[in-house]
Amino acid sequence: MTHAKLSLVEFPADDPERARRFWSGLLDAELEPRGPGEGEGWQTGAGESVGVHARGRGPGDTFSLPYFAVADMDASVSRVEELGGSVVHPGGRWSICKDSEGNPFGLAVSD
């Protein structure tokens, strides 16, 4: 997981439109609908982004999650486990993990 960089902070929302208005206003940036392969919801432009999606029951739907960009998902997930963390939801492009203290975070393959 060498050189992992923050790429996205994702906020689940009970009212996605209200959350979009809030984050758009606070950041002075539009949250646009995500495209194919980007998941559900909306987010600001490329780089370090803020995203919003409808709250659900999945592992990334309960708390806000910082996502870290990684080059190799398999190696990064292995490193999380080696360091005492856990993988809640493994995936090819995105994985949801917990650190050694139980704090959730995501990994996303950088393009």
PDB file of N, CA and C in Angstrom:
ATOM      1  N   MET A   1       0.832  -1.184   0.000  1.00  0.00           N
ATOM      2  CA  MET A   1       0.000   0.000   0.000  1.00  0.00           C
ATOM      3  C   MET A   1       0.872   1.242   0.000  1.00  0.00           C
ATOM      4  N   THR A   2       2.035   1.136  -0.517  1.00  0.00           N
ATOM      5  CA  THR A   2       2.951   2.262  -0.579  1.00  0.00           C
ATOM      6  C   THR A   2       2.351   3.402  -1.380  1.00  0.00           C
ATOM      7  N   HIS A   3       2.484   4.601  -0.865  1.00  0.00           N
ATOM      8  CA  HIS A   3       2.043   5.817  -1.539  1.00  0.00           C
ATOM      9  C   HIS A   3       0.529   5.892  -1.713  1.00  0.00           C
ATOM     10  N   ALA A   4      -0.240   5.297  -0.803  1.00  0.00           N
ATOM     11  CA  ALA A   4      -1.695   5.443  -0.864  1.00  0.00           C
ATOM     12  C   ALA A   4      -2.043   6.891  -0.565  1.00  0.00           C
ATOM     13  N   LYS A   5      -2.919   7.467  -1.388  1.00  0.00           N
ATOM     14  CA  LYS A   5      -3.317   8.859  -1.230  1.00  0.00           C
ATOM     15  C   LYS A   5      -4.821   8.945  -1.076  1.00  0.00           C
ATOM     16  N   LEU A   6      -5.256   9.881  -0.257  1.00  0.00           N
ATOM     17  CA  LEU A   6      -6.682  10.107  -0.101  1.00  0.00           C
ATOM     18  C   LEU A   6      -7.265  10.489  -1.451  1.00  0.00           C
ATOM     19  N   SER A   7      -8.321   9.786  -1.862  1.00  0.00           N
ATOM     20  CA  SER A   7      -8.909  10.091  -3.156  1.00  0.00           C
ATOM     21  C   SER A   7     -10.379  10.488  -3.065  1.00  0.00           C
ATOM     22  N   LEU A   8     -11.080  10.052  -1.998  1.00  0.00           N
ATOM     23  CA  LEU A   8     -12.517  10.307  -1.905  1.00  0.00           C
ATOM     24  C   LEU A   8     -12.960  10.185  -0.459  1.00  0.00           C
ATOM     25  N   VAL A   9     -13.844  11.067  -0.033  1.00  0.00           N
ATOM     26  CA  VAL A   9     -14.563  10.897   1.226  1.00  0.00           C
ATOM     27  C   VAL A   9     -16.025  10.753   0.839  1.00  0.00           C
ATOM     28  N   GLU A  10     -16.627   9.657   1.266  1.00  0.00           N
ATOM     29  CA  GLU A  10     -17.988   9.287   0.865  1.00  0.00           C
ATOM     30  C   GLU A  10     -18.936   9.469   2.049  1.00  0.00           C
ATOM     31  N   PHE A  11     -20.045  10.179   1.838  1.00  0.00           N
ATOM     32  CA  PHE A  11     -21.026  10.418   2.883  1.00  0.00           C
ATOM     33  C   PHE A  11     -22.356   9.761   2.527  1.00  0.00           C
ATOM     34  N   PRO A  12     -22.814   8.783   3.331  1.00  0.00           N
ATOM     35  CA  PRO A  12     -24.151   8.244   3.123  1.00  0.00           C
ATOM     36  C   PRO A  12     -25.183   9.261   3.591  1.00  0.00           C
ATOM     37  N   ALA A  13     -26.339   9.274   2.941  1.00  0.00           N
ATOM     38  CA  ALA A  13     -27.338  10.297   3.266  1.00  0.00           C
ATOM     39  C   ALA A  13     -28.738   9.712   3.310  1.00  0.00           C
ATOM     40  N   ASP A  14     -29.491  10.097   4.340  1.00  0.00           N
ATOM     41  CA  ASP A  14     -30.902   9.723   4.411  1.00  0.00           C
ATOM     42  C   ASP A  14     -31.697  10.484   3.353  1.00  0.00           C
ATOM     43  N   ASP A  15     -31.286  11.695   3.062  1.00  0.00           N
ATOM     44  CA  ASP A  15     -31.914  12.526   2.046  1.00  0.00           C
ATOM     45  C   ASP A  15     -30.803  12.995   1.095  1.00  0.00           C
ATOM     46  N   PRO A  16     -30.513  12.223   0.033  1.00  0.00           N
ATOM     47  CA  PRO A  16     -29.396  12.549  -0.848  1.00  0.00           C
ATOM     48  C   PRO A  16     -29.456  13.946  -1.459  1.00  0.00           C
ATOM     49  N   GLU A  17     -30.646  14.432  -1.811  1.00  0.00           N
ATOM     50  CA  GLU A  17     -30.742  15.774  -2.391  1.00  0.00           C
ATOM     51  C   GLU A  17     -30.344  16.839  -1.378  1.00  0.00           C
ATOM     52  N   ARG A  18     -30.784  16.677  -0.138  1.00  0.00           N
ATOM     53  CA  ARG A  18     -30.410  17.620   0.918  1.00  0.00           C
ATOM     54  C   ARG A  18     -28.896  17.580   1.135  1.00  0.00           C
ATOM     55  N   ALA A  19     -28.322  16.381   1.146  1.00  0.00           N
ATOM     56  CA  ALA A  19     -26.874  16.240   1.337  1.00  0.00           C
ATOM     57  C   ALA A  19     -26.109  16.847   0.169  1.00  0.00           C
ATOM     58  N   ARG A  20     -26.600  16.662  -1.051  1.00  0.00           N
ATOM     59  CA  ARG A  20     -25.944  17.267  -2.216  1.00  0.00           C
ATOM     60  C   ARG A  20     -25.952  18.787  -2.111  1.00  0.00           C
ATOM     61  N   ARG A  21     -27.087  19.366  -1.720  1.00  0.00           N
ATOM     62  CA  ARG A  21     -27.154  20.826  -1.553  1.00  0.00           C
ATOM     63  C   ARG A  21     -26.160  21.298  -0.496  1.00  0.00           C
ATOM     64  N   PHE A  22     -26.102  20.567   0.630  1.00  0.00           N
ATOM     65  CA  PHE A  22     -25.196  20.943   1.706  1.00  0.00           C
ATOM     66  C   PHE A  22     -23.742  20.926   1.233  1.00  0.00           C
ATOM     67  N   TRP A  23     -23.292  19.796   0.687  1.00  0.00           N
ATOM     68  CA  TRP A  23     -21.885  19.667   0.296  1.00  0.00           C
ATOM     69  C   TRP A  23     -21.544  20.560  -0.895  1.00  0.00           C
ATOM     70  N   SER A  24     -22.454  20.725  -1.818  1.00  0.00           N
ATOM     71  CA  SER A  24     -22.210  21.638  -2.946  1.00  0.00           C
ATOM     72  C   SER A  24     -22.037  23.062  -2.445  1.00  0.00           C
ATOM     73  N   GLY A  25     -22.904  23.465  -1.515  1.00  0.00           N
ATOM     74  CA  GLY A  25     -22.818  24.809  -0.967  1.00  0.00           C
ATOM     75  C   GLY A  25     -21.577  25.014  -0.132  1.00  0.00           C
ATOM     76  N   LEU A  26     -21.235  24.046   0.707  1.00  0.00           N
ATOM     77  CA  LEU A  26     -20.065  24.175   1.564  1.00  0.00           C
ATOM     78  C   LEU A  26     -18.773  24.209   0.762  1.00  0.00           C
ATOM     79  N   LEU A  27     -18.681  23.347  -0.253  1.00  0.00           N
ATOM     80  CA  LEU A  27     -17.451  23.240  -1.038  1.00  0.00           C
ATOM     81  C   LEU A  27     -17.422  24.137  -2.259  1.00  0.00           C
ATOM     82  N   ASP A  28     -18.564  24.780  -2.555  1.00  0.00           N
ATOM     83  CA  ASP A  28     -18.695  25.582  -3.768  1.00  0.00           C
ATOM     84  C   ASP A  28     -18.289  24.754  -4.992  1.00  0.00           C
ATOM     85  N   ALA A  29     -18.818  23.534  -5.045  1.00  0.00           N
ATOM     86  CA  ALA A  29     -18.522  22.601  -6.135  1.00  0.00           C
ATOM     87  C   ALA A  29     -19.746  21.722  -6.360  1.00  0.00           C
ATOM     88  N   GLU A  30     -20.070  21.489  -7.615  1.00  0.00           N
ATOM     89  CA  GLU A  30     -21.207  20.638  -7.939  1.00  0.00           C
ATOM     90  C   GLU A  30     -20.871  19.170  -7.722  1.00  0.00           C
ATOM     91  N   LEU A  31     -21.818  18.419  -7.194  1.00  0.00           N
ATOM     92  CA  LEU A  31     -21.712  16.972  -7.099  1.00  0.00           C
ATOM     93  C   LEU A  31     -22.515  16.418  -8.267  1.00  0.00           C
ATOM     94  N   GLU A  32     -21.827  15.856  -9.229  1.00  0.00           N
ATOM     95  CA  GLU A  32     -22.431  15.360 -10.457  1.00  0.00           C
ATOM     96  C   GLU A  32     -22.753  13.869 -10.345  1.00  0.00           C
ATOM     97  N   PRO A  33     -23.756  13.383 -11.092  1.00  0.00           N
ATOM     98  CA  PRO A  33     -24.042  11.943 -11.076  1.00  0.00           C
ATOM     99  C   PRO A  33     -22.805  11.156 -11.506  1.00  0.00           C
ATOM    100  N   ARG A  34     -22.614  10.021 -10.849  1.00  0.00           N
ATOM    101  CA  ARG A  34     -21.484   9.161 -11.195  1.00  0.00           C
ATOM    102  C   ARG A  34     -21.757   8.449 -12.511  1.00  0.00           C
ATOM    103  N   GLY A  35     -20.686   8.170 -13.227  1.00  0.00           N
ATOM    104  CA  GLY A  35     -20.782   7.479 -14.500  1.00  0.00           C
ATOM    105  C   GLY A  35     -20.674   5.975 -14.339  1.00  0.00           C
ATOM    106  N   PRO A  36     -20.728   5.257 -15.452  1.00  0.00           N
ATOM    107  CA  PRO A  36     -20.606   3.802 -15.421  1.00  0.00           C
ATOM    108  C   PRO A  36     -19.308   3.369 -14.738  1.00  0.00           C
ATOM    109  N   GLY A  37     -19.410   2.379 -13.872  1.00  0.00           N
ATOM    110  CA  GLY A  37     -18.251   1.857 -13.176  1.00  0.00           C
ATOM    111  C   GLY A  37     -17.825   2.654 -11.956  1.00  0.00           C
ATOM    112  N   GLU A  38     -18.531   3.758 -11.650  1.00  0.00           N
ATOM    113  CA  GLU A  38     -18.153   4.601 -10.505  1.00  0.00           C
ATOM    114  C   GLU A  38     -19.031   4.359  -9.281  1.00  0.00           C
ATOM    115  N   GLY A  39     -20.007   3.476  -9.364  1.00  0.00           N
ATOM    116  CA  GLY A  39     -20.914   3.249  -8.247  1.00  0.00           C
ATOM    117  C   GLY A  39     -22.100   4.193  -8.314  1.00  0.00           C
ATOM    118  N   GLU A  40     -22.942   4.120  -7.293  1.00  0.00           N
ATOM    119  CA  GLU A  40     -24.150   4.938  -7.243  1.00  0.00           C
ATOM    120  C   GLU A  40     -23.881   6.261  -6.535  1.00  0.00           C
ATOM    121  N   GLY A  41     -24.663   7.269  -6.858  1.00  0.00           N
ATOM    122  CA  GLY A  41     -24.576   8.542  -6.169  1.00  0.00           C
ATOM    123  C   GLY A  41     -23.962   9.637  -7.011  1.00  0.00           C
ATOM    124  N   TRP A  42     -23.369  10.614  -6.340  1.00  0.00           N
ATOM    125  CA  TRP A  42     -22.842  11.822  -6.959  1.00  0.00           C
ATOM    126  C   TRP A  42     -21.498  12.141  -6.327  1.00  0.00           C
ATOM    127  N   GLN A  43     -20.654  12.862  -7.055  1.00  0.00           N
ATOM    128  CA  GLN A  43     -19.404  13.311  -6.458  1.00  0.00           C
ATOM    129  C   GLN A  43     -18.837  14.503  -7.201  1.00  0.00           C
ATOM    130  N   THR A  44     -17.919  15.188  -6.516  1.00  0.00           N
ATOM    131  CA  THR A  44     -17.214  16.294  -7.139  1.00  0.00           C
ATOM    132  C   THR A  44     -16.231  15.733  -8.150  1.00  0.00           C
ATOM    133  N   GLY A  45     -15.534  16.598  -8.874  1.00  0.00           N
ATOM    134  CA  GLY A  45     -14.635  16.193  -9.943  1.00  0.00           C
ATOM    135  C   GLY A  45     -13.488  15.303  -9.523  1.00  0.00           C
ATOM    136  N   ALA A  46     -12.600  15.053 -10.473  1.00  0.00           N
ATOM    137  CA  ALA A  46     -11.470  14.160 -10.279  1.00  0.00           C
ATOM    138  C   ALA A  46     -10.524  14.682  -9.204  1.00  0.00           C
ATOM    139  N   GLY A  47      -9.653  13.819  -8.748  1.00  0.00           N
ATOM    140  CA  GLY A  47      -8.715  14.184  -7.690  1.00  0.00           C
ATOM    141  C   GLY A  47      -9.305  13.832  -6.349  1.00  0.00           C
ATOM    142  N   GLU A  48      -8.993  14.609  -5.344  1.00  0.00           N
ATOM    143  CA  GLU A  48      -9.577  14.383  -4.029  1.00  0.00           C
ATOM    144  C   GLU A  48     -11.022  14.833  -4.075  1.00  0.00           C
ATOM    145  N   SER A  49     -11.939  13.876  -3.968  1.00  0.00           N
ATOM    146  CA  SER A  49     -13.357  14.143  -4.195  1.00  0.00           C
ATOM    147  C   SER A  49     -14.175  13.937  -2.932  1.00  0.00           C
ATOM    148  N   VAL A  50     -15.370  14.522  -2.956  1.00  0.00           N
ATOM    149  CA  VAL A  50     -16.396  14.271  -1.951  1.00  0.00           C
ATOM    150  C   VAL A  50     -17.555  13.631  -2.681  1.00  0.00           C
ATOM    151  N   GLY A  51     -18.080  12.538  -2.118  1.00  0.00           N
ATOM    152  CA  GLY A  51     -19.200  11.832  -2.722  1.00  0.00           C
ATOM    153  C   GLY A  51     -20.360  11.700  -1.763  1.00  0.00           C
ATOM    154  N   VAL A  52     -21.552  11.568  -2.326  1.00  0.00           N
ATOM    155  CA  VAL A  52     -22.783  11.367  -1.567  1.00  0.00           C
ATOM    156  C   VAL A  52     -23.551  10.227  -2.221  1.00  0.00           C
ATOM    157  N   HIS A  53     -24.125   9.356  -1.409  1.00  0.00           N
ATOM    158  CA  HIS A  53     -24.995   8.306  -1.930  1.00  0.00           C
ATOM    159  C   HIS A  53     -26.106   8.037  -0.918  1.00  0.00           C
ATOM    160  N   ALA A  54     -27.186   7.447  -1.393  1.00  0.00           N
ATOM    161  CA  ALA A  54     -28.312   7.132  -0.512  1.00  0.00           C
ATOM    162  C   ALA A  54     -27.867   6.121   0.539  1.00  0.00           C
ATOM    163  N   ARG A  55     -28.242   6.361   1.764  1.00  0.00           N
ATOM    164  CA  ARG A  55     -27.904   5.440   2.851  1.00  0.00           C
ATOM    165  C   ARG A  55     -28.586   4.103   2.598  1.00  0.00           C
ATOM    166  N   GLY A  56     -27.868   3.038   2.858  1.00  0.00           N
ATOM    167  CA  GLY A  56     -28.406   1.694   2.692  1.00  0.00           C
ATOM    168  C   GLY A  56     -27.970   0.816   3.843  1.00  0.00           C
ATOM    169  N   ARG A  57     -27.874  -0.476   3.580  1.00  0.00           N
ATOM    170  CA  ARG A  57     -27.514  -1.420   4.634  1.00  0.00           C
ATOM    171  C   ARG A  57     -26.141  -2.051   4.429  1.00  0.00           C
ATOM    172  N   GLY A  58     -25.426  -1.639   3.414  1.00  0.00           N
ATOM    173  CA  GLY A  58     -24.126  -2.229   3.119  1.00  0.00           C
ATOM    174  C   GLY A  58     -23.030  -1.704   4.032  1.00  0.00           C
ATOM    175  N   PRO A  59     -21.823  -2.280   3.920  1.00  0.00           N
ATOM    176  CA  PRO A  59     -20.726  -1.889   4.809  1.00  0.00           C
ATOM    177  C   PRO A  59     -20.253  -0.455   4.630  1.00  0.00           C
ATOM    178  N   GLY A  60     -20.520   0.160   3.493  1.00  0.00           N
ATOM    179  CA  GLY A  60     -20.122   1.542   3.288  1.00  0.00           C
ATOM    180  C   GLY A  60     -21.272   2.511   3.416  1.00  0.00           C
ATOM    181  N   ASP A  61     -22.381   2.054   3.979  1.00  0.00           N
ATOM    182  CA  ASP A  61     -23.590   2.866   4.006  1.00  0.00           C
ATOM    183  C   ASP A  61     -23.946   3.430   5.375  1.00  0.00           C
ATOM    184  N   THR A  62     -23.142   3.175   6.390  1.00  0.00           N
ATOM    185  CA  THR A  62     -23.472   3.583   7.742  1.00  0.00           C
ATOM    186  C   THR A  62     -22.731   4.836   8.184  1.00  0.00           C
ATOM    187  N   PHE A  63     -21.471   4.967   7.811  1.00  0.00           N
ATOM    188  CA  PHE A  63     -20.615   6.069   8.250  1.00  0.00           C
ATOM    189  C   PHE A  63     -19.971   6.721   7.042  1.00  0.00           C
ATOM    190  N   SER A  64     -19.456   7.936   7.239  1.00  0.00           N
ATOM    191  CA  SER A  64     -18.655   8.535   6.170  1.00  0.00           C
ATOM    192  C   SER A  64     -17.359   7.738   6.070  1.00  0.00           C
ATOM    193  N   LEU A  65     -16.878   7.584   4.854  1.00  0.00           N
ATOM    194  CA  LEU A  65     -15.680   6.781   4.622  1.00  0.00           C
ATOM    195  C   LEU A  65     -14.652   7.546   3.815  1.00  0.00           C
ATOM    196  N   PRO A  66     -13.420   7.599   4.313  1.00  0.00           N
ATOM    197  CA  PRO A  66     -12.349   8.081   3.439  1.00  0.00           C
ATOM    198  C   PRO A  66     -11.903   6.920   2.559  1.00  0.00           C
ATOM    199  N   TYR A  67     -11.681   7.191   1.296  1.00  0.00           N
ATOM    200  CA  TYR A  67     -11.158   6.182   0.370  1.00  0.00           C
ATOM    201  C   TYR A  67      -9.728   6.568   0.012  1.00  0.00           C
ATOM    202  N   PHE A  68      -8.867   5.567  -0.022  1.00  0.00           N
ATOM    203  CA  PHE A  68      -7.475   5.776  -0.394  1.00  0.00           C
ATOM    204  C   PHE A  68      -7.205   5.106  -1.730  1.00  0.00           C
ATOM    205  N   ALA A  69      -6.567   5.844  -2.631  1.00  0.00           N
ATOM    206  CA  ALA A  69      -6.222   5.309  -3.951  1.00  0.00           C
ATOM    207  C   ALA A  69      -5.026   4.373  -3.809  1.00  0.00           C
ATOM    208  N   VAL A  70      -5.132   3.188  -4.404  1.00  0.00           N
ATOM    209  CA  VAL A  70      -4.052   2.200  -4.382  1.00  0.00           C
ATOM    210  C   VAL A  70      -3.839   1.664  -5.786  1.00  0.00           C
ATOM    211  N   ALA A  71      -2.642   1.222  -6.066  1.00  0.00           N
ATOM    212  CA  ALA A  71      -2.328   0.675  -7.386  1.00  0.00           C
ATOM    213  C   ALA A  71      -2.690  -0.797  -7.491  1.00  0.00           C
ATOM    214  N   ASP A  72      -2.596  -1.540  -6.400  1.00  0.00           N
ATOM    215  CA  ASP A  72      -2.796  -2.991  -6.409  1.00  0.00           C
ATOM    216  C   ASP A  72      -3.734  -3.373  -5.275  1.00  0.00           C
ATOM    217  N   MET A  73      -4.973  -3.721  -5.603  1.00  0.00           N
ATOM    218  CA  MET A  73      -5.968  -4.026  -4.576  1.00  0.00           C
ATOM    219  C   MET A  73      -5.577  -5.252  -3.759  1.00  0.00           C
ATOM    220  N   ASP A  74      -5.151  -6.324  -4.412  1.00  0.00           N
ATOM    221  CA  ASP A  74      -4.812  -7.547  -3.680  1.00  0.00           C
ATOM    222  C   ASP A  74      -3.693  -7.303  -2.676  1.00  0.00           C
ATOM    223  N   ALA A  75      -2.643  -6.618  -3.102  1.00  0.00           N
ATOM    224  CA  ALA A  75      -1.520  -6.332  -2.203  1.00  0.00           C
ATOM    225  C   ALA A  75      -1.959  -5.418  -1.059  1.00  0.00           C
ATOM    226  N   SER A  76      -2.815  -4.460  -1.359  1.00  0.00           N
ATOM    227  CA  SER A  76      -3.261  -3.508  -0.341  1.00  0.00           C
ATOM    228  C   SER A  76      -4.152  -4.181   0.696  1.00  0.00           C
ATOM    229  N   VAL A  77      -5.048  -5.045   0.249  1.00  0.00           N
ATOM    230  CA  VAL A  77      -5.924  -5.776   1.169  1.00  0.00           C
ATOM    231  C   VAL A  77      -5.080  -6.698   2.050  1.00  0.00           C
ATOM    232  N   SER A  78      -4.094  -7.335   1.468  1.00  0.00           N
ATOM    233  CA  SER A  78      -3.193  -8.200   2.247  1.00  0.00           C
ATOM    234  C   SER A  78      -2.460  -7.386   3.306  1.00  0.00           C
ATOM    235  N   ARG A  79      -2.016  -6.196   2.941  1.00  0.00           N
ATOM    236  CA  ARG A  79      -1.297  -5.336   3.880  1.00  0.00           C
ATOM    237  C   ARG A  79      -2.203  -4.906   5.029  1.00  0.00           C
ATOM    238  N   VAL A  80      -3.459  -4.587   4.731  1.00  0.00           N
ATOM    239  CA  VAL A  80      -4.416  -4.231   5.782  1.00  0.00           C
ATOM    240  C   VAL A  80      -4.490  -5.361   6.806  1.00  0.00           C
ATOM    241  N   GLU A  81      -4.618  -6.577   6.332  1.00  0.00           N
ATOM    242  CA  GLU A  81      -4.733  -7.730   7.231  1.00  0.00           C
ATOM    243  C   GLU A  81      -3.439  -7.979   7.999  1.00  0.00           C
ATOM    244  N   GLU A  82      -2.288  -7.831   7.331  1.00  0.00           N
ATOM    245  CA  GLU A  82      -0.986  -8.009   7.986  1.00  0.00           C
ATOM    246  C   GLU A  82      -0.809  -7.036   9.145  1.00  0.00           C
ATOM    247  N   LEU A  83      -1.373  -5.840   9.016  1.00  0.00           N
ATOM    248  CA  LEU A  83      -1.224  -4.803  10.033  1.00  0.00           C
ATOM    249  C   LEU A  83      -2.286  -4.889  11.132  1.00  0.00           C
ATOM    250  N   GLY A  84      -3.140  -5.917  11.086  1.00  0.00           N
ATOM    251  CA  GLY A  84      -4.138  -6.092  12.131  1.00  0.00           C
ATOM    252  C   GLY A  84      -5.497  -5.532  11.810  1.00  0.00           C
ATOM    253  N   GLY A  85      -5.685  -5.058  10.589  1.00  0.00           N
ATOM    254  CA  GLY A  85      -6.991  -4.582  10.157  1.00  0.00           C
ATOM    255  C   GLY A  85      -7.815  -5.736   9.607  1.00  0.00           C
ATOM    256  N   SER A  86      -8.979  -5.418   9.102  1.00  0.00           N
ATOM    257  CA  SER A  86      -9.839  -6.452   8.522  1.00  0.00           C
ATOM    258  C   SER A  86     -10.484  -5.939   7.242  1.00  0.00           C
ATOM    259  N   VAL A  87     -10.889  -6.878   6.422  1.00  0.00           N
ATOM    260  CA  VAL A  87     -11.564  -6.556   5.167  1.00  0.00           C
ATOM    261  C   VAL A  87     -13.033  -6.920   5.344  1.00  0.00           C
ATOM    262  N   VAL A  88     -13.891  -5.917   5.277  1.00  0.00           N
ATOM    263  CA  VAL A  88     -15.324  -6.111   5.468  1.00  0.00           C
ATOM    264  C   VAL A  88     -15.983  -6.529   4.157  1.00  0.00           C
ATOM    265  N   HIS A  89     -15.591  -5.874   3.079  1.00  0.00           N
ATOM    266  CA  HIS A  89     -16.170  -6.153   1.762  1.00  0.00           C
ATOM    267  C   HIS A  89     -15.056  -6.071   0.720  1.00  0.00           C
ATOM    268  N   PRO A  90     -14.511  -7.236   0.315  1.00  0.00           N
ATOM    269  CA  PRO A  90     -13.464  -7.211  -0.704  1.00  0.00           C
ATOM    270  C   PRO A  90     -14.057  -6.952  -2.084  1.00  0.00           C
ATOM    271  N   GLY A  91     -13.293  -6.289  -2.913  1.00  0.00           N
ATOM    272  CA  GLY A  91     -13.757  -6.035  -4.268  1.00  0.00           C
ATOM    273  C   GLY A  91     -12.592  -5.837  -5.217  1.00  0.00           C
ATOM    274  N   GLY A  92     -12.881  -5.849  -6.496  1.00  0.00           N
ATOM    275  CA  GLY A  92     -11.851  -5.665  -7.507  1.00  0.00           C
ATOM    276  C   GLY A  92     -11.398  -4.221  -7.630  1.00  0.00           C
ATOM    277  N   ARG A  93     -12.367  -3.275  -7.653  1.00  0.00           N
ATOM    278  CA  ARG A  93     -12.031  -1.846  -7.780  1.00  0.00           C
ATOM    279  C   ARG A  93     -12.142  -1.113  -6.452  1.00  0.00           C
ATOM    280  N   TRP A  94     -13.031  -1.560  -5.566  1.00  0.00           N
ATOM    281  CA  TRP A  94     -13.231  -0.950  -4.255  1.00  0.00           C
ATOM    282  C   TRP A  94     -13.286  -2.040  -3.210  1.00  0.00           C
ATOM    283  N   SER A  95     -12.744  -1.756  -2.055  1.00  0.00           N
ATOM    284  CA  SER A  95     -12.864  -2.647  -0.901  1.00  0.00           C
ATOM    285  C   SER A  95     -13.143  -1.786   0.320  1.00  0.00           C
ATOM    286  N   ILE A  96     -13.963  -2.311   1.227  1.00  0.00           N
ATOM    287  CA  ILE A  96     -14.233  -1.646   2.488  1.00  0.00           C
ATOM    288  C   ILE A  96     -13.466  -2.410   3.560  1.00  0.00           C
ATOM    289  N   CYS A  97     -12.713  -1.675   4.372  1.00  0.00           N
ATOM    290  CA  CYS A  97     -11.870  -2.286   5.394  1.00  0.00           C
ATOM    291  C   CYS A  97     -12.107  -1.600   6.738  1.00  0.00           C
ATOM    292  N   LYS A  98     -11.515  -2.184   7.781  1.00  0.00           N
ATOM    293  CA  LYS A  98     -11.463  -1.543   9.091  1.00  0.00           C
ATOM    294  C   LYS A  98     -10.021  -1.569   9.555  1.00  0.00           C
ATOM    295  N   ASP A  99      -9.624  -0.493  10.218  1.00  0.00           N
ATOM    296  CA  ASP A  99      -8.264  -0.458  10.755  1.00  0.00           C
ATOM    297  C   ASP A  99      -8.190  -1.316  12.015  1.00  0.00           C
ATOM    298  N   SER A 100      -7.046  -1.318  12.663  1.00  0.00           N
ATOM    299  CA  SER A 100      -6.834  -2.143  13.851  1.00  0.00           C
ATOM    300  C   SER A 100      -7.751  -1.758  15.006  1.00  0.00           C
ATOM    301  N   GLU A 101      -8.340  -0.555  14.961  1.00  0.00           N
ATOM    302  CA  GLU A 101      -9.233  -0.090  16.018  1.00  0.00           C
ATOM    303  C   GLU A 101     -10.704  -0.177  15.637  1.00  0.00           C
ATOM    304  N   GLY A 102     -10.994  -0.721  14.461  1.00  0.00           N
ATOM    305  CA  GLY A 102     -12.373  -0.877  14.021  1.00  0.00           C
ATOM    306  C   GLY A 102     -12.933   0.268  13.220  1.00  0.00           C
ATOM    307  N   ASN A 103     -12.115   1.260  12.857  1.00  0.00           N
ATOM    308  CA  ASN A 103     -12.585   2.392  12.064  1.00  0.00           C
ATOM    309  C   ASN A 103     -12.669   2.007  10.594  1.00  0.00           C
ATOM    310  N   PRO A 104     -13.812   2.241   9.953  1.00  0.00           N
ATOM    311  CA  PRO A 104     -13.965   1.856   8.554  1.00  0.00           C
ATOM    312  C   PRO A 104     -13.287   2.838   7.593  1.00  0.00           C
ATOM    313  N   PHE A 105     -12.794   2.300   6.483  1.00  0.00           N
ATOM    314  CA  PHE A 105     -12.235   3.097   5.393  1.00  0.00           C
ATOM    315  C   PHE A 105     -12.302   2.271   4.119  1.00  0.00           C
ATOM    316  N   GLY A 106     -12.141   2.938   3.001  1.00  0.00           N
ATOM    317  CA  GLY A 106     -12.193   2.248   1.716  1.00  0.00           C
ATOM    318  C   GLY A 106     -10.881   2.335   0.968  1.00  0.00           C
ATOM    319  N   LEU A 107     -10.682   1.382   0.093  1.00  0.00           N
ATOM    320  CA  LEU A 107      -9.564   1.391  -0.858  1.00  0.00           C
ATOM    321  C   LEU A 107     -10.157   1.416  -2.247  1.00  0.00           C
ATOM    322  N   ALA A 108      -9.564   2.173  -3.143  1.00  0.00           N
ATOM    323  CA  ALA A 108     -10.037   2.262  -4.523  1.00  0.00           C
ATOM    324  C   ALA A 108      -8.841   2.184  -5.452  1.00  0.00           C
ATOM    325  N   VAL A 109      -8.956   1.368  -6.479  1.00  0.00           N
ATOM    326  CA  VAL A 109      -7.870   1.236  -7.446  1.00  0.00           C
ATOM    327  C   VAL A 109      -7.760   2.538  -8.226  1.00  0.00           C
ATOM    328  N   SER A 110      -6.560   3.091  -8.246  1.00  0.00           N
ATOM    329  CA  SER A 110      -6.346   4.329  -9.011  1.00  0.00           C
ATOM    330  C   SER A 110      -6.217   3.982 -10.486  1.00  0.00           C
ATOM    331  N   ASP A 111      -6.757   4.847 -11.297  1.00  0.00           N
ATOM    332  CA  ASP A 111      -6.712   4.613 -12.748  1.00  0.00           C
ATOM    333  C   ASP A 111      -5.459   5.152 -13.366  1.00  0.00           C
TER     334      ASP A 111
END
